[in-house]
C-alpha cells in the first residue's frame, strides 16, 4: 500500500488518486472507509474510465450492504450491475446482481427480450428529463450524481432510439 500511495501521489492523475482511495478504503476502518469510497467514485465519475468507476461502485455498494445500509447500497450496486452488463463483463455483473439481491432488490437478468426495456432508475431519470429538469436537478431529486444522470440518459436515448430531450418528451407517457 505504501508503494501504491507513493506512486499515485507522484502521478497526481485523477484516476491514480481514485485508485489509491479505492484501495485505501478496502483496508480502512469503517469510520474512514466511506469517505475513501466516495472519493474514488467522485474522482472517476467525470472520467472516461467507466470500468474503474463500475468497480469502485461495486466495492462501495458491497461495503454499504455490510454496514446494513441497504437503500444506499442499492444505488451503487444497481449502477455497477448495469455498467458491467453494458461492458459484457458477466462475472462482475453477476457479482453485483447477487449483492443487489442481498439488499432485497431483484435485478433482472438481461436477455435479448429485455435489452430495449428501461430499468426503474432509467425510467425515473427519463421521466424527469422529459418534464424539462436539468441533469443537476434530476441528480438532486434522486440523490445521485449528475454524471450518473448523464450515464442513465445516454442509455435511455440508445434504448428508445432518440437523440434529444424533445424527442424523449414525445416518447414518454
Protein backbone atom coordinates (compact mmCIF):
# COMPACT_ATOMS: atom_id res chain seq x y z
CA UNK A 1 0.00 0.00 0.00
CA UNK A 2 2.86 2.34 0.80
CA UNK A 3 4.32 1.79 -2.66
CA UNK A 4 0.93 2.41 -4.30
CA UNK A 5 0.47 5.64 -2.35
CA UNK A 6 3.96 6.82 -3.29
CA UNK A 7 3.40 6.16 -6.99
CA UNK A 8 -0.13 7.53 -7.21
CA UNK A 9 0.81 10.66 -5.26
CA UNK A 10 3.75 11.18 -7.60
CA UNK A 11 1.47 10.79 -10.62
CA UNK A 12 -1.18 13.18 -9.33
CA UNK A 13 -3.58 11.94 -12.02
CA UNK A 14 -7.25 11.73 -11.01
CA UNK A 15 -7.52 8.05 -11.96
CA UNK A 16 -4.39 7.26 -9.93
CA UNK A 17 -5.69 9.12 -6.88
CA UNK A 18 -9.06 7.39 -7.32
CA UNK A 19 -7.32 4.01 -7.40
CA UNK A 20 -5.42 4.95 -4.25
CA UNK A 21 -8.64 5.98 -2.49
CA UNK A 22 -10.39 2.75 -3.52
CA UNK A 23 -7.52 0.58 -2.29
CA UNK A 24 -7.18 2.55 0.95
CA UNK A 25 -10.93 2.10 1.51
CA UNK A 26 -10.53 -1.68 1.27
CA UNK A 27 -8.04 -1.57 4.13
CA UNK A 28 -9.61 1.23 6.18
CA UNK A 29 -11.63 1.11 9.35
CA UNK A 30 -15.36 1.63 8.90
CA UNK A 31 -15.02 5.21 10.14
CA UNK A 32 -12.70 6.11 7.25
CA UNK A 33 -13.85 3.75 4.50
CA UNK A 34 -16.95 5.62 3.34
CA UNK A 35 -15.12 8.88 2.65
CA UNK A 36 -12.48 6.98 0.69
CA UNK A 37 -15.04 5.07 -1.39
CA UNK A 38 -16.91 8.34 -2.12
CA UNK A 39 -13.61 9.96 -3.12
CA UNK A 40 -12.86 7.12 -5.53
CA UNK A 41 -16.32 7.30 -7.11
CA UNK A 42 -16.29 11.11 -7.29
CA UNK A 43 -12.84 11.21 -8.92
CA UNK A 44 -13.79 8.57 -11.50
CA UNK A 45 -17.31 9.82 -12.31
CA UNK A 46 -16.25 12.59 -14.72
CA UNK A 47 -13.59 10.42 -16.38
CA UNK A 48 -13.87 8.02 -19.30
CA UNK A 49 -12.69 5.18 -17.07
CA UNK A 50 -16.13 3.61 -16.81
CA UNK A 51 -14.81 0.16 -15.89
CA UNK A 52 -12.87 1.56 -12.93
CA UNK A 53 -15.95 3.53 -11.90
CA UNK A 54 -18.08 0.38 -12.05
CA UNK A 55 -15.53 -1.47 -9.93
CA UNK A 56 -15.44 1.34 -7.35
CA UNK A 57 -19.23 1.43 -7.19
CA UNK A 58 -19.40 -2.34 -6.74
CA UNK A 59 -16.92 -2.28 -3.87
CA UNK A 60 -18.64 0.70 -2.27
CA UNK A 61 -22.04 -0.95 -2.63
CA UNK A 62 -20.74 -4.16 -1.07
CA UNK A 63 -19.33 -2.17 1.84
CA UNK A 64 -22.61 -0.26 2.30
CA UNK A 65 -24.55 -3.53 2.37
CA UNK A 66 -22.21 -4.94 5.02
CA UNK A 67 -22.93 -1.77 7.03
CA UNK A 68 -26.67 -2.63 6.82
CA UNK A 69 -27.30 0.42 4.64
CA UNK A 70 -29.34 -1.45 2.06
CA UNK A 71 -31.02 1.54 0.40
CA UNK A 72 -27.69 3.34 -0.11
CA UNK A 73 -26.09 0.11 -1.30
CA UNK A 74 -28.79 -0.43 -3.93
CA UNK A 75 -27.91 2.79 -5.79
CA UNK A 76 -24.24 1.84 -6.08
CA UNK A 77 -24.87 -1.82 -6.82
CA UNK A 78 -27.57 -1.09 -9.42
CA UNK A 79 -25.25 1.29 -11.26
CA UNK A 80 -22.39 -1.21 -11.11
CA UNK A 81 -24.65 -4.02 -12.32
CA UNK A 82 -25.89 -2.03 -15.29
CA UNK A 83 -22.40 -0.86 -16.23
CA UNK A 84 -20.89 -4.35 -16.06
CA UNK A 85 -23.79 -5.67 -18.12
CA UNK A 86 -23.17 -2.98 -20.74
CA UNK A 87 -19.49 -3.93 -20.85
CA UNK A 88 -20.35 -7.61 -21.27
CA UNK A 89 -18.49 -8.43 -18.06
CA UNK A 90 -20.88 -11.12 -16.95
CA UNK A 91 -18.98 -12.37 -13.90
CA UNK A 92 -18.81 -8.89 -12.37
CA UNK A 93 -22.42 -8.20 -13.36
CA UNK A 94 -23.47 -11.41 -11.62
CA UNK A 95 -21.50 -10.44 -8.51
CA UNK A 96 -23.30 -7.07 -8.45
CA UNK A 97 -26.66 -8.77 -9.08
CA UNK A 98 -26.14 -11.16 -6.16
CA UNK A 99 -25.18 -8.27 -3.88
CA UNK A 100 -28.19 -6.29 -5.10
CA UNK A 101 -30.42 -9.26 -4.38
CA UNK A 102 -28.95 -9.43 -0.87
CA UNK A 103 -30.24 -5.89 -0.27
CA UNK A 104 -33.76 -7.07 -1.06
CA UNK A 105 -33.89 -5.79 -4.63
CA UNK A 106 -34.13 -8.13 -7.57
CA UNK A 107 -32.12 -7.21 -10.64
CA UNK A 108 -33.50 -8.82 -13.74
CA UNK A 109 -31.16 -10.89 -15.81
CA UNK A 110 -30.65 -9.40 -19.25
CA UNK A 111 -31.88 -11.23 -22.31
CA UNK A 112 -32.49 -10.29 -25.91
CA UNK A 113 -36.10 -9.52 -24.96
CA UNK A 114 -35.17 -7.07 -22.17
CA UNK A 115 -32.31 -5.18 -23.84
CA UNK A 116 -34.60 -2.34 -25.00
CA UNK A 117 -36.53 -2.03 -21.75
CA UNK A 118 -35.74 0.76 -19.33
CA UNK A 119 -34.69 -0.13 -15.80
CA UNK A 120 -36.61 1.52 -12.96
CA UNK A 121 -33.76 4.02 -12.46
CA UNK A 122 -33.64 4.82 -16.19
CA UNK A 123 -37.41 5.26 -16.18
CA UNK A 124 -37.21 7.81 -13.34
CA UNK A 125 -34.38 9.74 -14.99
CA UNK A 126 -36.13 9.71 -18.37
CA UNK A 127 -39.43 10.92 -16.89
CA UNK A 128 -37.75 13.83 -15.09
CA UNK A 129 -35.71 14.75 -18.18
CA UNK A 130 -38.86 14.64 -20.31
CA UNK A 131 -40.50 17.01 -17.82
CA UNK A 132 -37.71 19.51 -18.53
CA UNK A 133 -35.50 19.07 -15.47
CA UNK A 134 -31.73 19.60 -15.83
CA UNK A 135 -29.26 16.84 -15.02
CA UNK A 136 -28.32 18.65 -11.80
CA UNK A 137 -31.98 18.94 -10.76
CA UNK A 138 -32.57 15.25 -11.53
CA UNK A 139 -29.45 14.30 -9.56
CA UNK A 140 -30.60 16.30 -6.56
CA UNK A 141 -34.08 14.82 -6.67
CA UNK A 142 -32.87 11.20 -6.97
CA UNK A 143 -29.83 11.56 -4.67
CA UNK A 144 -27.37 10.54 -7.37
CA UNK A 145 -24.55 12.41 -9.09
CA UNK A 146 -25.06 14.45 -12.27
CA UNK A 147 -22.67 12.09 -14.07
CA UNK A 148 -24.89 9.15 -13.09
CA UNK A 149 -27.86 11.02 -14.56
CA UNK A 150 -25.86 11.55 -17.75
CA UNK A 151 -24.96 7.86 -17.82
CA UNK A 152 -28.61 6.81 -17.48
CA UNK A 153 -29.78 9.34 -20.09
CA UNK A 154 -27.20 8.00 -22.55
CA UNK A 155 -28.65 4.51 -22.09
CA UNK A 156 -32.24 5.80 -22.31
CA UNK A 157 -31.50 7.63 -25.56
CA UNK A 158 -29.92 4.48 -27.01
CA UNK A 159 -32.72 2.17 -25.90
CA UNK A 160 -35.52 4.47 -27.05
CA UNK A 161 -33.63 5.49 -30.20
CA UNK A 162 -33.98 9.21 -29.53
CA UNK A 163 -31.36 11.93 -29.95
CA UNK A 164 -32.80 14.85 -27.98
CA UNK A 165 -34.79 15.66 -24.88
CA UNK A 166 -37.60 16.94 -27.09
CA UNK A 167 -37.87 13.53 -28.76
CA UNK A 168 -37.67 11.92 -25.32
CA UNK A 169 -40.57 14.05 -24.07
CA UNK A 170 -42.69 12.87 -27.01
CA UNK A 171 -41.81 9.20 -26.34
CA UNK A 172 -42.53 9.25 -22.60
CA UNK A 173 -46.12 8.71 -21.45
